[in-house]
Amino acid sequence: MLAWYREGINPQSRLPYLVTYLGHKDINSTLVYLTVTQKLLQQAGERFRVRGARLLQPLTEGGNA
């Protein structure tokens, strides 16, 4: 997963392939084997900072977005 993040690949789109490769019946069986590491959190945080945070906009004075 870390390599996918580093390569700019959306890990969510690749999980079904990983499930099949490992011979699992569903994503939950695969998620048991995935470990969130500090490096993975850093990559995910950076991706959000670059791509996702710009979608968040502060509220206007009237409270409307």
C-alpha atoms as a PDB file:
ATOM      1  CA  MET A   1       0.000   0.000   0.000  1.00  0.00           C
ATOM      2  CA  LEU A   2       2.834   2.345   0.759  1.00  0.00           C
ATOM      3  CA  ALA A   3       4.196   1.874  -2.754  1.00  0.00           C
ATOM      4  CA  TRP A   4       0.764   2.667  -4.199  1.00  0.00           C
ATOM      5  CA  TYR A   5       0.637   5.913  -2.234  1.00  0.00           C
ATOM      6  CA  ARG A   6       4.161   6.814  -3.328  1.00  0.00           C
ATOM      7  CA  GLU A   7       3.266   6.129  -6.967  1.00  0.00           C
ATOM      8  CA  GLY A   8       0.129   8.274  -6.728  1.00  0.00           C
ATOM      9  CA  ILE A   9      -2.192   5.291  -7.108  1.00  0.00           C
ATOM     10  CA  ASN A  10      -5.494   5.283  -5.245  1.00  0.00           C
ATOM     11  CA  PRO A  11      -5.146   2.293  -2.877  1.00  0.00           C
ATOM     12  CA  GLN A  12      -8.934   1.968  -2.652  1.00  0.00           C
ATOM     13  CA  SER A  13      -9.064   1.104  -6.347  1.00  0.00           C
ATOM     14  CA  ARG A  14      -6.408  -1.597  -5.962  1.00  0.00           C
ATOM     15  CA  LEU A  15      -7.782  -3.401  -2.914  1.00  0.00           C
ATOM     16  CA  PRO A  16     -10.092  -5.694  -4.932  1.00  0.00           C
ATOM     17  CA  TYR A  17      -7.035  -6.917  -6.867  1.00  0.00           C
ATOM     18  CA  LEU A  18      -5.186  -7.571  -3.622  1.00  0.00           C
ATOM     19  CA  VAL A  19      -8.166  -9.504  -2.264  1.00  0.00           C
ATOM     20  CA  THR A  20      -8.215 -11.709  -5.357  1.00  0.00           C
ATOM     21  CA  TYR A  21      -4.433 -12.158  -5.391  1.00  0.00           C
ATOM     22  CA  LEU A  22      -4.474 -13.338  -1.788  1.00  0.00           C
ATOM     23  CA  GLY A  23      -7.397 -15.684  -2.472  1.00  0.00           C
ATOM     24  CA  HIS A  24      -9.709 -14.066   0.040  1.00  0.00           C
ATOM     25  CA  LYS A  25     -13.471 -14.064  -0.289  1.00  0.00           C
ATOM     26  CA  ASP A  26     -13.938 -10.400   0.639  1.00  0.00           C
ATOM     27  CA  ILE A  27     -12.094  -7.219   1.609  1.00  0.00           C
ATOM     28  CA  ASN A  28     -12.602  -7.805   5.326  1.00  0.00           C
ATOM     29  CA  SER A  29     -10.499 -10.957   5.151  1.00  0.00           C
ATOM     30  CA  THR A  30      -7.680  -8.952   3.578  1.00  0.00           C
ATOM     31  CA  LEU A  31      -7.895  -5.941   5.882  1.00  0.00           C
ATOM     32  CA  VAL A  32      -6.886  -8.150   8.798  1.00  0.00           C
ATOM     33  CA  TYR A  33      -3.400  -8.361   7.276  1.00  0.00           C
ATOM     34  CA  LEU A  34      -2.916  -4.646   6.575  1.00  0.00           C
ATOM     35  CA  THR A  35      -1.058  -2.660   9.190  1.00  0.00           C
ATOM     36  CA  VAL A  36      -1.192   1.105   9.385  1.00  0.00           C
ATOM     37  CA  THR A  37       2.348   2.348   9.869  1.00  0.00           C
ATOM     38  CA  GLN A  38       3.696   5.822  10.531  1.00  0.00           C
ATOM     39  CA  LYS A  39       4.990   6.013   6.954  1.00  0.00           C
ATOM     40  CA  LEU A  40       1.598   5.027   5.559  1.00  0.00           C
ATOM     41  CA  LEU A  41      -0.125   7.651   7.705  1.00  0.00           C
ATOM     42  CA  GLN A  42       2.360  10.268   6.493  1.00  0.00           C
ATOM     43  CA  GLN A  43       1.706   9.386   2.859  1.00  0.00           C
ATOM     44  CA  ALA A  44      -2.054   9.433   3.364  1.00  0.00           C
ATOM     45  CA  GLY A  45      -1.849  12.748   5.211  1.00  0.00           C
ATOM     46  CA  GLU A  46       0.262  14.292   2.477  1.00  0.00           C
ATOM     47  CA  ARG A  47      -2.160  13.079  -0.179  1.00  0.00           C
ATOM     48  CA  PHE A  48      -5.034  14.667   1.717  1.00  0.00           C
ATOM     49  CA  ARG A  49      -3.087  17.892   2.169  1.00  0.00           C
ATOM     50  CA  VAL A  50      -2.342  18.129  -1.547  1.00  0.00           C
ATOM     51  CA  ARG A  51      -5.628  16.843  -2.997  1.00  0.00           C
ATOM     52  CA  GLY A  52      -8.377  16.865  -0.403  1.00  0.00           C
ATOM     53  CA  ALA A  53      -7.796  19.918   1.737  1.00  0.00           C
ATOM     54  CA  ARG A  54      -8.353  22.285  -1.176  1.00  0.00           C
ATOM     55  CA  LEU A  55     -11.929  21.006  -1.376  1.00  0.00           C
ATOM     56  CA  LEU A  56     -12.640  22.278   2.105  1.00  0.00           C
ATOM     57  CA  GLN A  57     -13.747  25.874   2.084  1.00  0.00           C
ATOM     58  CA  PRO A  58     -14.286  28.120   5.071  1.00  0.00           C
ATOM     59  CA  LEU A  59     -17.851  29.134   5.813  1.00  0.00           C
ATOM     60  CA  THR A  60     -18.917  32.619   4.798  1.00  0.00           C
ATOM     61  CA  GLU A  61     -20.002  35.094   7.467  1.00  0.00           C
ATOM     62  CA  GLY A  62     -23.644  34.134   6.997  1.00  0.00           C
ATOM     63  CA  GLY A  63     -22.900  30.515   7.850  1.00  0.00           C
ATOM     64  CA  ASN A  64     -23.521  29.286   4.289  1.00  0.00           C
ATOM     65  CA  ALA A  65     -20.934  27.326   2.399  1.00  0.00           C
END
